[in-house]
PDB file of all heavy atoms in Angstrom:
ATOM      1  N   ASN A   1       0.825  -1.195  -0.001  1.00  0.00           N
ATOM      2  CA  ASN A   1       0.001  -0.013   0.005  1.00  0.00           C
ATOM      3  C   ASN A   1       0.839   1.262   0.012  1.00  0.00           C
ATOM      4  O   ASN A   1       0.516   2.230  -0.706  1.00  0.00           O
ATOM      5  CB  ASN A   1      -0.941  -0.004   1.214  1.00  0.00           C
ATOM      6  CG  ASN A   1      -2.040  -1.046   1.077  1.00  0.00           C
ATOM      7  OD1 ASN A   1      -2.429  -1.390  -0.035  1.00  0.00           O
ATOM      8  ND2 ASN A   1      -2.526  -1.517   2.214  1.00  0.00           N
ATOM      9  N   HIS A   2       1.938   1.258   0.770  1.00  0.00           N
ATOM     10  CA  HIS A   2       2.795   2.429   0.825  1.00  0.00           C
ATOM     11  C   HIS A   2       3.444   2.678  -0.562  1.00  0.00           C
ATOM     12  O   HIS A   2       3.414   3.792  -1.068  1.00  0.00           O
ATOM     13  CB  HIS A   2       3.879   2.284   1.887  1.00  0.00           C
ATOM     14  CG  HIS A   2       4.811   3.455   1.921  1.00  0.00           C
ATOM     15  ND1 HIS A   2       4.591   4.561   2.697  1.00  0.00           N
ATOM     16  CD2 HIS A   2       5.971   3.699   1.235  1.00  0.00           C
ATOM     17  CE1 HIS A   2       5.562   5.427   2.504  1.00  0.00           C
ATOM     18  NE2 HIS A   2       6.418   4.945   1.628  1.00  0.00           N
ATOM     19  N   VAL A   3       4.071   1.646  -1.107  1.00  0.00           N
ATOM     20  CA  VAL A   3       4.780   1.805  -2.371  1.00  0.00           C
ATOM     21  C   VAL A   3       3.795   2.137  -3.481  1.00  0.00           C
ATOM     22  O   VAL A   3       4.074   2.988  -4.366  1.00  0.00           O
ATOM     23  CB  VAL A   3       5.606   0.559  -2.712  1.00  0.00           C
ATOM     24  CG1 VAL A   3       6.286   0.700  -4.051  1.00  0.00           C
ATOM     25  CG2 VAL A   3       6.640   0.296  -1.635  1.00  0.00           C
ATOM     26  N   HIS A   4       2.654   1.493  -3.478  1.00  0.00           N
ATOM     27  CA  HIS A   4       1.644   1.716  -4.522  1.00  0.00           C
ATOM     28  C   HIS A   4       1.168   3.179  -4.545  1.00  0.00           C
ATOM     29  O   HIS A   4       0.979   3.764  -5.625  1.00  0.00           O
ATOM     30  CB  HIS A   4       0.423   0.817  -4.270  1.00  0.00           C
ATOM     31  CG  HIS A   4      -0.601   0.928  -5.328  1.00  0.00           C
ATOM     32  ND1 HIS A   4      -0.486   0.341  -6.565  1.00  0.00           N
ATOM     33  CD2 HIS A   4      -1.801   1.584  -5.352  1.00  0.00           C
ATOM     34  CE1 HIS A   4      -1.550   0.597  -7.301  1.00  0.00           C
ATOM     35  NE2 HIS A   4      -2.385   1.355  -6.565  1.00  0.00           N
ATOM     36  N   THR A   5       0.998   3.775  -3.378  1.00  0.00           N
ATOM     37  CA  THR A   5       0.489   5.151  -3.306  1.00  0.00           C
ATOM     38  C   THR A   5       1.615   6.204  -3.347  1.00  0.00           C
ATOM     39  O   THR A   5       1.349   7.391  -3.347  1.00  0.00           O
ATOM     40  CB  THR A   5      -0.332   5.382  -2.022  1.00  0.00           C
ATOM     41  OG1 THR A   5       0.472   5.023  -0.893  1.00  0.00           O
ATOM     42  CG2 THR A   5      -1.570   4.511  -2.056  1.00  0.00           C
ATOM     43  N   ASN A   6       2.873   5.714  -3.437  1.00  0.00           N
ATOM     44  CA  ASN A   6       4.004   6.660  -3.529  1.00  0.00           C
ATOM     45  C   ASN A   6       4.922   6.231  -4.676  1.00  0.00           C
ATOM     46  O   ASN A   6       6.145   6.139  -4.521  1.00  0.00           O
ATOM     47  CB  ASN A   6       4.791   6.693  -2.223  1.00  0.00           C
ATOM     48  CG  ASN A   6       3.961   7.291  -1.086  1.00  0.00           C
ATOM     49  OD1 ASN A   6       3.933   8.501  -0.903  1.00  0.00           O
ATOM     50  ND2 ASN A   6       3.300   6.430  -0.316  1.00  0.00           N
ATOM     51  N   ALA A   7       4.328   5.992  -5.803  1.00  0.00           N
ATOM     52  CA  ALA A   7       5.078   5.507  -7.008  1.00  0.00           C
ATOM     53  C   ALA A   7       6.105   6.519  -7.448  1.00  0.00           C
ATOM     54  O   ALA A   7       5.857   7.738  -7.402  1.00  0.00           O
ATOM     55  CB  ALA A   7       4.091   5.156  -8.124  1.00  0.00           C
ATOM     56  N   GLU A   8       7.221   6.021  -7.950  1.00  0.00           N
ATOM     57  CA  GLU A   8       8.286   6.911  -8.479  1.00  0.00           C
ATOM     58  C   GLU A   8       8.813   6.330  -9.800  1.00  0.00           C
ATOM     59  O   GLU A   8       8.845   5.147 -10.029  1.00  0.00           O
ATOM     60  CB  GLU A   8       9.425   7.009  -7.487  1.00  0.00           C
ATOM     61  CG  GLU A   8       9.047   7.725  -6.183  1.00  0.00           C
ATOM     62  CD  GLU A   8      10.206   7.809  -5.234  1.00  0.00           C
ATOM     63  OE1 GLU A   8      10.642   6.756  -4.748  1.00  0.00           O
ATOM     64  OE2 GLU A   8      10.668   8.943  -4.949  1.00  0.00           O
ATOM     65  N   LEU A   9       9.227   7.253 -10.669  1.00  0.00           N
ATOM     66  CA  LEU A   9       9.701   6.875 -12.003  1.00  0.00           C
ATOM     67  C   LEU A   9      11.094   6.300 -11.954  1.00  0.00           C
ATOM     68  O   LEU A   9      11.802   6.392 -10.967  1.00  0.00           O
ATOM     69  CB  LEU A   9       9.656   8.105 -12.931  1.00  0.00           C
ATOM     70  CG  LEU A   9       8.299   8.753 -13.100  1.00  0.00           C
ATOM     71  CD1 LEU A   9       8.417   9.958 -14.021  1.00  0.00           C
ATOM     72  CD2 LEU A   9       7.277   7.765 -13.664  1.00  0.00           C
ATOM     73  N   SER A  10      11.486   5.691 -13.077  1.00  0.00           N
ATOM     74  CA  SER A  10      12.808   5.074 -13.203  1.00  0.00           C
ATOM     75  C   SER A  10      13.935   6.060 -12.882  1.00  0.00           C
ATOM     76  O   SER A  10      13.932   7.206 -13.333  1.00  0.00           O
ATOM     77  CB  SER A  10      12.995   4.537 -14.610  1.00  0.00           C
ATOM     78  OG  SER A  10      11.980   3.615 -14.935  1.00  0.00           O
ATOM     79  N   ASN A  11      14.888   5.597 -12.106  1.00  0.00           N
ATOM     80  CA  ASN A  11      16.044   6.401 -11.654  1.00  0.00           C
ATOM     81  C   ASN A  11      15.693   7.565 -10.742  1.00  0.00           C
ATOM     82  O   ASN A  11      16.540   8.372 -10.411  1.00  0.00           O
ATOM     83  CB  ASN A  11      16.854   6.902 -12.867  1.00  0.00           C
ATOM     84  CG  ASN A  11      17.449   5.775 -13.658  1.00  0.00           C
ATOM     85  OD1 ASN A  11      18.064   4.859 -13.102  1.00  0.00           O
ATOM     86  ND2 ASN A  11      17.295   5.809 -14.960  1.00  0.00           N
ATOM     87  N   GLU A  12      14.402   7.591 -10.345  1.00  0.00           N
ATOM     88  CA  GLU A  12      13.980   8.638  -9.395  1.00  0.00           C
ATOM     89  C   GLU A  12      13.374   7.999  -8.140  1.00  0.00           C
ATOM     90  O   GLU A  12      12.663   8.674  -7.392  1.00  0.00           O
ATOM     91  CB  GLU A  12      12.967   9.538 -10.063  1.00  0.00           C
ATOM     92  CG  GLU A  12      13.456  10.289 -11.296  1.00  0.00           C
ATOM     93  CD  GLU A  12      12.395  11.103 -11.978  1.00  0.00           C
ATOM     94  OE1 GLU A  12      11.313  11.321 -11.379  1.00  0.00           O
ATOM     95  OE2 GLU A  12      12.637  11.552 -13.128  1.00  0.00           O
ATOM     96  N   GLU A  13      13.722   6.789  -7.852  1.00  0.00           N
ATOM     97  CA  GLU A  13      13.093   6.024  -6.767  1.00  0.00           C
ATOM     98  C   GLU A  13      13.778   6.343  -5.414  1.00  0.00           C
ATOM     99  O   GLU A  13      14.130   5.443  -4.659  1.00  0.00           O
ATOM    100  CB  GLU A  13      13.166   4.514  -7.047  1.00  0.00           C
ATOM    101  CG  GLU A  13      12.683   4.101  -8.413  1.00  0.00           C
ATOM    102  CD  GLU A  13      13.866   3.965  -9.404  1.00  0.00           C
ATOM    103  OE1 GLU A  13      14.861   4.679  -9.203  1.00  0.00           O
ATOM    104  OE2 GLU A  13      13.799   3.151 -10.308  1.00  0.00           O
ATOM    105  N   TYR A  14      13.939   7.607  -5.098  1.00  0.00           N
ATOM    106  CA  TYR A  14      14.643   7.991  -3.887  1.00  0.00           C
ATOM    107  C   TYR A  14      13.833   7.673  -2.627  1.00  0.00           C
ATOM    108  O   TYR A  14      14.360   7.086  -1.690  1.00  0.00           O
ATOM    109  CB  TYR A  14      14.970   9.488  -3.943  1.00  0.00           C
ATOM    110  CG  TYR A  14      15.804   9.925  -5.118  1.00  0.00           C
ATOM    111  CD1 TYR A  14      15.255  10.597  -6.194  1.00  0.00           C
ATOM    112  CD2 TYR A  14      17.167   9.577  -5.174  1.00  0.00           C
ATOM    113  CE1 TYR A  14      16.020  10.967  -7.300  1.00  0.00           C
ATOM    114  CE2 TYR A  14      17.936   9.920  -6.273  1.00  0.00           C
ATOM    115  CZ  TYR A  14      17.367  10.612  -7.324  1.00  0.00           C
ATOM    116  OH  TYR A  14      18.128  10.956  -8.415  1.00  0.00           O
ATOM    117  N   LYS A  15      12.574   8.070  -2.633  1.00  0.00           N
ATOM    118  CA  LYS A  15      11.746   7.814  -1.463  1.00  0.00           C
ATOM    119  C   LYS A  15      11.444   6.307  -1.309  1.00  0.00           C
ATOM    120  O   LYS A  15      11.367   5.803  -0.174  1.00  0.00           O
ATOM    121  CB  LYS A  15      10.458   8.616  -1.528  1.00  0.00           C
ATOM    122  CG  LYS A  15      10.680  10.127  -1.467  1.00  0.00           C
ATOM    123  CD  LYS A  15       9.338  10.880  -1.542  1.00  0.00           C
ATOM    124  CE  LYS A  15       9.580  12.377  -1.451  1.00  0.00           C
ATOM    125  NZ  LYS A  15       8.272  13.153  -1.542  1.00  0.00           N
ATOM    126  N   THR A  16      11.284   5.612  -2.443  1.00  0.00           N
ATOM    127  CA  THR A  16      11.072   4.182  -2.368  1.00  0.00           C
ATOM    128  C   THR A  16      12.302   3.476  -1.782  1.00  0.00           C
ATOM    129  O   THR A  16      12.135   2.607  -0.926  1.00  0.00           O
ATOM    130  CB  THR A  16      10.803   3.622  -3.781  1.00  0.00           C
ATOM    131  OG1 THR A  16       9.672   4.300  -4.359  1.00  0.00           O
ATOM    132  CG2 THR A  16      10.529   2.124  -3.738  1.00  0.00           C
ATOM    133  N   THR A  17      13.466   3.895  -2.230  1.00  0.00           N
ATOM    134  CA  THR A  17      14.719   3.328  -1.670  1.00  0.00           C
ATOM    135  C   THR A  17      14.780   3.582  -0.174  1.00  0.00           C
ATOM    136  O   THR A  17      15.079   2.674   0.627  1.00  0.00           O
ATOM    137  CB  THR A  17      15.919   3.951  -2.374  1.00  0.00           C
ATOM    138  OG1 THR A  17      15.885   3.625  -3.784  1.00  0.00           O
ATOM    139  CG2 THR A  17      17.234   3.417  -1.772  1.00  0.00           C
ATOM    140  N   ASP A  18      14.505   4.831   0.220  1.00  0.00           N
ATOM    141  CA  ASP A  18      14.551   5.168   1.655  1.00  0.00           C
ATOM    142  C   ASP A  18      13.549   4.371   2.466  1.00  0.00           C
ATOM    143  O   ASP A  18      13.860   3.908   3.598  1.00  0.00           O
ATOM    144  CB  ASP A  18      14.328   6.672   1.877  1.00  0.00           C
ATOM    145  CG  ASP A  18      15.502   7.514   1.392  1.00  0.00           C
ATOM    146  OD1 ASP A  18      16.595   6.967   1.206  1.00  0.00           O
ATOM    147  OD2 ASP A  18      15.276   8.738   1.161  1.00  0.00           O
ATOM    148  N   TYR A  19      12.354   4.193   1.891  1.00  0.00           N
ATOM    149  CA  TYR A  19      11.329   3.469   2.631  1.00  0.00           C
ATOM    150  C   TYR A  19      11.731   2.002   2.851  1.00  0.00           C
ATOM    151  O   TYR A  19      11.610   1.482   3.959  1.00  0.00           O
ATOM    152  CB  TYR A  19      10.006   3.520   1.869  1.00  0.00           C
ATOM    153  CG  TYR A  19       8.925   2.630   2.462  1.00  0.00           C
ATOM    154  CD1 TYR A  19       8.224   3.059   3.600  1.00  0.00           C
ATOM    155  CD2 TYR A  19       8.638   1.382   1.944  1.00  0.00           C
ATOM    156  CE1 TYR A  19       7.250   2.250   4.184  1.00  0.00           C
ATOM    157  CE2 TYR A  19       7.664   0.574   2.506  1.00  0.00           C
ATOM    158  CZ  TYR A  19       6.985   1.006   3.643  1.00  0.00           C
ATOM    159  OH  TYR A  19       6.032   0.189   4.190  1.00  0.00           O
ATOM    160  N   ILE A  20      12.210   1.351   1.785  1.00  0.00           N
ATOM    161  CA  ILE A  20      12.636  -0.045   1.904  1.00  0.00           C
ATOM    162  C   ILE A  20      13.789  -0.136   2.915  1.00  0.00           C
ATOM    163  O   ILE A  20      13.812  -1.029   3.790  1.00  0.00           O
ATOM    164  CB  ILE A  20      13.056  -0.608   0.541  1.00  0.00           C
ATOM    165  CG1 ILE A  20      11.870  -0.606  -0.394  1.00  0.00           C
ATOM    166  CG2 ILE A  20      13.627  -2.012   0.698  1.00  0.00           C
ATOM    167  CD1 ILE A  20      12.232  -0.918  -1.848  1.00  0.00           C
ATOM    168  N   TYR A  21      14.748   0.758   2.788  1.00  0.00           N
ATOM    169  CA  TYR A  21      15.919   0.767   3.690  1.00  0.00           C
ATOM    170  C   TYR A  21      15.485   0.887   5.136  1.00  0.00           C
ATOM    171  O   TYR A  21      15.927   0.075   5.997  1.00  0.00           O
ATOM    172  CB  TYR A  21      16.831   1.944   3.299  1.00  0.00           C
ATOM    173  CG  TYR A  21      18.080   2.061   4.123  1.00  0.00           C
ATOM    174  CD1 TYR A  21      19.230   1.355   3.774  1.00  0.00           C
ATOM    175  CD2 TYR A  21      18.129   2.865   5.270  1.00  0.00           C
ATOM    176  CE1 TYR A  21      20.409   1.488   4.539  1.00  0.00           C
ATOM    177  CE2 TYR A  21      19.268   2.974   6.003  1.00  0.00           C
ATOM    178  CZ  TYR A  21      20.403   2.274   5.651  1.00  0.00           C
ATOM    179  OH  TYR A  21      21.547   2.398   6.386  1.00  0.00           O
ATOM    180  N   GLU A  22      14.625   1.833   5.444  1.00  0.00           N
ATOM    181  CA  GLU A  22      14.209   2.051   6.828  1.00  0.00           C
ATOM    182  C   GLU A  22      13.370   0.897   7.335  1.00  0.00           C
ATOM    183  O   GLU A  22      13.476   0.488   8.514  1.00  0.00           O
ATOM    184  CB  GLU A  22      13.450   3.376   6.946  1.00  0.00           C
ATOM    185  CG  GLU A  22      14.294   4.609   6.695  1.00  0.00           C
ATOM    186  CD  GLU A  22      15.477   4.742   7.650  1.00  0.00           C
ATOM    187  OE1 GLU A  22      15.366   4.243   8.816  1.00  0.00           O
ATOM    188  OE2 GLU A  22      16.504   5.322   7.269  1.00  0.00           O
ATOM    189  N   PHE A  23      12.515   0.343   6.481  1.00  0.00           N
ATOM    190  CA  PHE A  23      11.692  -0.808   6.912  1.00  0.00           C
ATOM    191  C   PHE A  23      12.570  -1.983   7.277  1.00  0.00           C
ATOM    192  O   PHE A  23      12.381  -2.628   8.320  1.00  0.00           O
ATOM    193  CB  PHE A  23      10.724  -1.189   5.788  1.00  0.00           C
ATOM    194  CG  PHE A  23       9.793  -2.315   6.178  1.00  0.00           C
ATOM    195  CD1 PHE A  23       8.529  -2.021   6.723  1.00  0.00           C
ATOM    196  CD2 PHE A  23      10.131  -3.639   6.010  1.00  0.00           C
ATOM    197  CE1 PHE A  23       7.688  -3.040   7.083  1.00  0.00           C
ATOM    198  CE2 PHE A  23       9.297  -4.650   6.369  1.00  0.00           C
ATOM    199  CZ  PHE A  23       8.049  -4.381   6.934  1.00  0.00           C
ATOM    200  N   LEU A  24      13.553  -2.273   6.432  1.00  0.00           N
ATOM    201  CA  LEU A  24      14.425  -3.406   6.696  1.00  0.00           C
ATOM    202  C   LEU A  24      15.276  -3.208   7.943  1.00  0.00           C
ATOM    203  O   LEU A  24      15.491  -4.118   8.729  1.00  0.00           O
ATOM    204  CB  LEU A  24      15.321  -3.658   5.485  1.00  0.00           C
ATOM    205  CG  LEU A  24      14.607  -4.118   4.221  1.00  0.00           C
ATOM    206  CD1 LEU A  24      15.610  -4.335   3.068  1.00  0.00           C
ATOM    207  CD2 LEU A  24      13.789  -5.400   4.424  1.00  0.00           C
ATOM    208  N   LYS A  25      15.716  -1.970   8.161  1.00  0.00           N
ATOM    209  CA  LYS A  25      16.472  -1.683   9.365  1.00  0.00           C
ATOM    210  C   LYS A  25      15.640  -1.939  10.608  1.00  0.00           C
ATOM    211  O   LYS A  25      16.094  -2.506  11.591  1.00  0.00           O
ATOM    212  CB  LYS A  25      16.937  -0.195   9.329  1.00  0.00           C
ATOM    213  CG  LYS A  25      18.006   0.110   8.307  1.00  0.00           C
ATOM    214  CD  LYS A  25      19.394  -0.316   8.762  1.00  0.00           C
ATOM    215  CE  LYS A  25      19.955   0.620   9.805  1.00  0.00           C
ATOM    216  NZ  LYS A  25      21.367   0.286  10.149  1.00  0.00           N
ATOM    217  N   THR A  26      14.359  -1.491  10.533  1.00  0.00           N
ATOM    218  CA  THR A  26      13.437  -1.706  11.652  1.00  0.00           C
ATOM    219  C   THR A  26      13.250  -3.173  11.935  1.00  0.00           C
ATOM    220  O   THR A  26      13.047  -3.564  13.095  1.00  0.00           O
ATOM    221  CB  THR A  26      12.093  -1.042  11.353  1.00  0.00           C
ATOM    222  OG1 THR A  26      12.277   0.364  11.152  1.00  0.00           O
ATOM    223  CG2 THR A  26      11.134  -1.215  12.494  1.00  0.00           C
ATOM    224  N   GLU A  27      13.296  -4.002  10.883  1.00  0.00           N
ATOM    225  CA  GLU A  27      13.077  -5.479  11.051  1.00  0.00           C
ATOM    226  C   GLU A  27      14.357  -6.200  11.407  1.00  0.00           C
ATOM    227  O   GLU A  27      14.379  -7.431  11.485  1.00  0.00           O
ATOM    228  CB  GLU A  27      12.501  -6.036   9.766  1.00  0.00           C
ATOM    229  CG  GLU A  27      11.086  -5.567   9.435  1.00  0.00           C
ATOM    230  CD  GLU A  27      10.059  -6.086  10.454  1.00  0.00           C
ATOM    231  OE1 GLU A  27      10.295  -7.159  11.000  1.00  0.00           O
ATOM    232  OE2 GLU A  27       9.057  -5.366  10.656  1.00  0.00           O
ATOM    233  N   GLY A  28      15.457  -5.457  11.625  1.00  0.00           N
ATOM    234  CA  GLY A  28      16.675  -6.100  12.057  1.00  0.00           C
ATOM    235  C   GLY A  28      17.665  -6.490  10.973  1.00  0.00           C
ATOM    236  O   GLY A  28      18.659  -7.172  11.248  1.00  0.00           O
ATOM    237  N   PHE A  29      17.387  -6.108   9.728  1.00  0.00           N
ATOM    238  CA  PHE A  29      18.303  -6.399   8.633  1.00  0.00           C
ATOM    239  C   PHE A  29      19.350  -5.277   8.527  1.00  0.00           C
ATOM    240  O   PHE A  29      19.244  -4.227   9.186  1.00  0.00           O
ATOM    241  CB  PHE A  29      17.538  -6.483   7.336  1.00  0.00           C
ATOM    242  CG  PHE A  29      16.584  -7.654   7.248  1.00  0.00           C
ATOM    243  CD1 PHE A  29      15.237  -7.498   7.539  1.00  0.00           C
ATOM    244  CD2 PHE A  29      17.058  -8.927   6.911  1.00  0.00           C
ATOM    245  CE1 PHE A  29      14.365  -8.560   7.458  1.00  0.00           C
ATOM    246  CE2 PHE A  29      16.183 -10.010   6.836  1.00  0.00           C
ATOM    247  CZ  PHE A  29      14.816  -9.831   7.121  1.00  0.00           C
ATOM    248  N   GLU A  30      20.369  -5.497   7.678  1.00  0.00           N
ATOM    249  CA  GLU A  30      21.412  -4.528   7.474  1.00  0.00           C
ATOM    250  C   GLU A  30      21.507  -4.212   5.994  1.00  0.00           C
ATOM    251  O   GLU A  30      22.438  -4.623   5.267  1.00  0.00           O
ATOM    252  CB  GLU A  30      22.764  -5.046   7.981  1.00  0.00           C
ATOM    253  CG  GLU A  30      22.768  -5.290   9.499  1.00  0.00           C
ATOM    254  CD  GLU A  30      24.091  -5.784  10.008  1.00  0.00           C
ATOM    255  OE1 GLU A  30      25.046  -5.921   9.187  1.00  0.00           O
ATOM    256  OE2 GLU A  30      24.208  -6.056  11.225  1.00  0.00           O
ATOM    257  N   PRO A  31      20.550  -3.445   5.456  1.00  0.00           N
ATOM    258  CA  PRO A  31      20.552  -3.107   4.015  1.00  0.00           C
ATOM    259  C   PRO A  31      21.686  -2.145   3.651  1.00  0.00           C
ATOM    260  O   PRO A  31      22.170  -1.424   4.509  1.00  0.00           O
ATOM    261  CB  PRO A  31      19.187  -2.477   3.818  1.00  0.00           C
ATOM    262  CG  PRO A  31      18.855  -1.888   5.170  1.00  0.00           C
ATOM    263  CD  PRO A  31      19.423  -2.826   6.173  1.00  0.00           C
ATOM    264  N   VAL A  32      22.033  -2.156   2.396  1.00  0.00           N
ATOM    265  CA  VAL A  32      23.091  -1.286   1.874  1.00  0.00           C
ATOM    266  C   VAL A  32      22.591  -0.607   0.606  1.00  0.00           C
ATOM    267  O   VAL A  32      22.176  -1.261  -0.338  1.00  0.00           O
ATOM    268  CB  VAL A  32      24.383  -2.084   1.539  1.00  0.00           C
ATOM    269  CG1 VAL A  32      25.454  -1.155   0.977  1.00  0.00           C
ATOM    270  CG2 VAL A  32      24.864  -2.842   2.758  1.00  0.00           C
ATOM    271  N   LYS A  33      22.601   0.711   0.586  1.00  0.00           N
ATOM    272  CA  LYS A  33      22.174   1.457  -0.618  1.00  0.00           C
ATOM    273  C   LYS A  33      23.277   1.380  -1.669  1.00  0.00           C
ATOM    274  O   LYS A  33      24.454   1.375  -1.359  1.00  0.00           O
ATOM    275  CB  LYS A  33      21.876   2.910  -0.281  1.00  0.00           C
ATOM    276  CG  LYS A  33      20.673   3.104   0.643  1.00  0.00           C
ATOM    277  CD  LYS A  33      20.414   4.603   0.894  1.00  0.00           C
ATOM    278  CE  LYS A  33      19.219   4.775   1.811  1.00  0.00           C
ATOM    279  NZ  LYS A  33      18.938   6.221   2.107  1.00  0.00           N
ATOM    280  N   PHE A  34      22.866   1.343  -2.919  1.00  0.00           N
ATOM    281  CA  PHE A  34      23.822   1.338  -4.002  1.00  0.00           C
ATOM    282  C   PHE A  34      24.592   2.656  -4.015  1.00  0.00           C
ATOM    283  O   PHE A  34      24.058   3.704  -3.595  1.00  0.00           O
ATOM    284  CB  PHE A  34      23.152   1.128  -5.346  1.00  0.00           C
ATOM    285  CG  PHE A  34      22.602  -0.262  -5.536  1.00  0.00           C
ATOM    286  CD1 PHE A  34      21.275  -0.441  -5.923  1.00  0.00           C
ATOM    287  CD2 PHE A  34      23.384  -1.346  -5.299  1.00  0.00           C
ATOM    288  CE1 PHE A  34      20.756  -1.736  -6.082  1.00  0.00           C
ATOM    289  CE2 PHE A  34      22.873  -2.671  -5.456  1.00  0.00           C
ATOM    290  CZ  PHE A  34      21.555  -2.821  -5.860  1.00  0.00           C
ATOM    291  N   LYS A  35      25.809   2.652  -4.502  1.00  0.00           N
ATOM    292  CA  LYS A  35      26.665   3.819  -4.461  1.00  0.00           C
ATOM    293  C   LYS A  35      26.297   4.866  -5.486  1.00  0.00           C
ATOM    294  O   LYS A  35      26.298   6.071  -5.225  1.00  0.00           O
ATOM    295  CB  LYS A  35      28.116   3.419  -4.617  1.00  0.00           C
ATOM    296  CG  LYS A  35      28.667   2.536  -3.518  1.00  0.00           C
ATOM    297  CD  LYS A  35      30.088   2.098  -3.784  1.00  0.00           C
ATOM    298  CE  LYS A  35      30.636   1.200  -2.686  1.00  0.00           C
ATOM    299  NZ  LYS A  35      32.023   0.749  -2.995  1.00  0.00           N
ATOM    300  N   ASN A  36      26.012   4.420  -6.707  1.00  0.00           N
ATOM    301  CA  ASN A  36      25.858   5.347  -7.844  1.00  0.00           C
ATOM    302  C   ASN A  36      24.461   5.429  -8.412  1.00  0.00           C
ATOM    303  O   ASN A  36      24.203   6.213  -9.336  1.00  0.00           O
ATOM    304  CB  ASN A  36      26.824   4.927  -8.942  1.00  0.00           C
ATOM    305  CG  ASN A  36      28.273   4.888  -8.465  1.00  0.00           C
ATOM    306  OD1 ASN A  36      28.777   5.904  -8.003  1.00  0.00           O
ATOM    307  ND2 ASN A  36      28.905   3.745  -8.563  1.00  0.00           N
ATOM    308  N   ILE A  37      23.530   4.643  -7.895  1.00  0.00           N
ATOM    309  CA  ILE A  37      22.181   4.623  -8.419  1.00  0.00           C
ATOM    310  C   ILE A  37      21.202   4.484  -7.258  1.00  0.00           C
ATOM    311  O   ILE A  37      21.595   4.256  -6.121  1.00  0.00           O
ATOM    312  CB  ILE A  37      21.970   3.412  -9.391  1.00  0.00           C
ATOM    313  CG1 ILE A  37      22.340   2.099  -8.696  1.00  0.00           C
ATOM    314  CG2 ILE A  37      22.759   3.574 -10.684  1.00  0.00           C
ATOM    315  CD1 ILE A  37      22.054   0.851  -9.499  1.00  0.00           C
TER     316      ILE A  37
END
């Protein structure tokens, strides 16, 4: 529901990336953002 209502275009998925990152951190994972994309 969150991603569906906050869709982002190709190479502009900044908020989507942040959302997934923060969700995984909250669940105890150790995500790593890509360096150049």
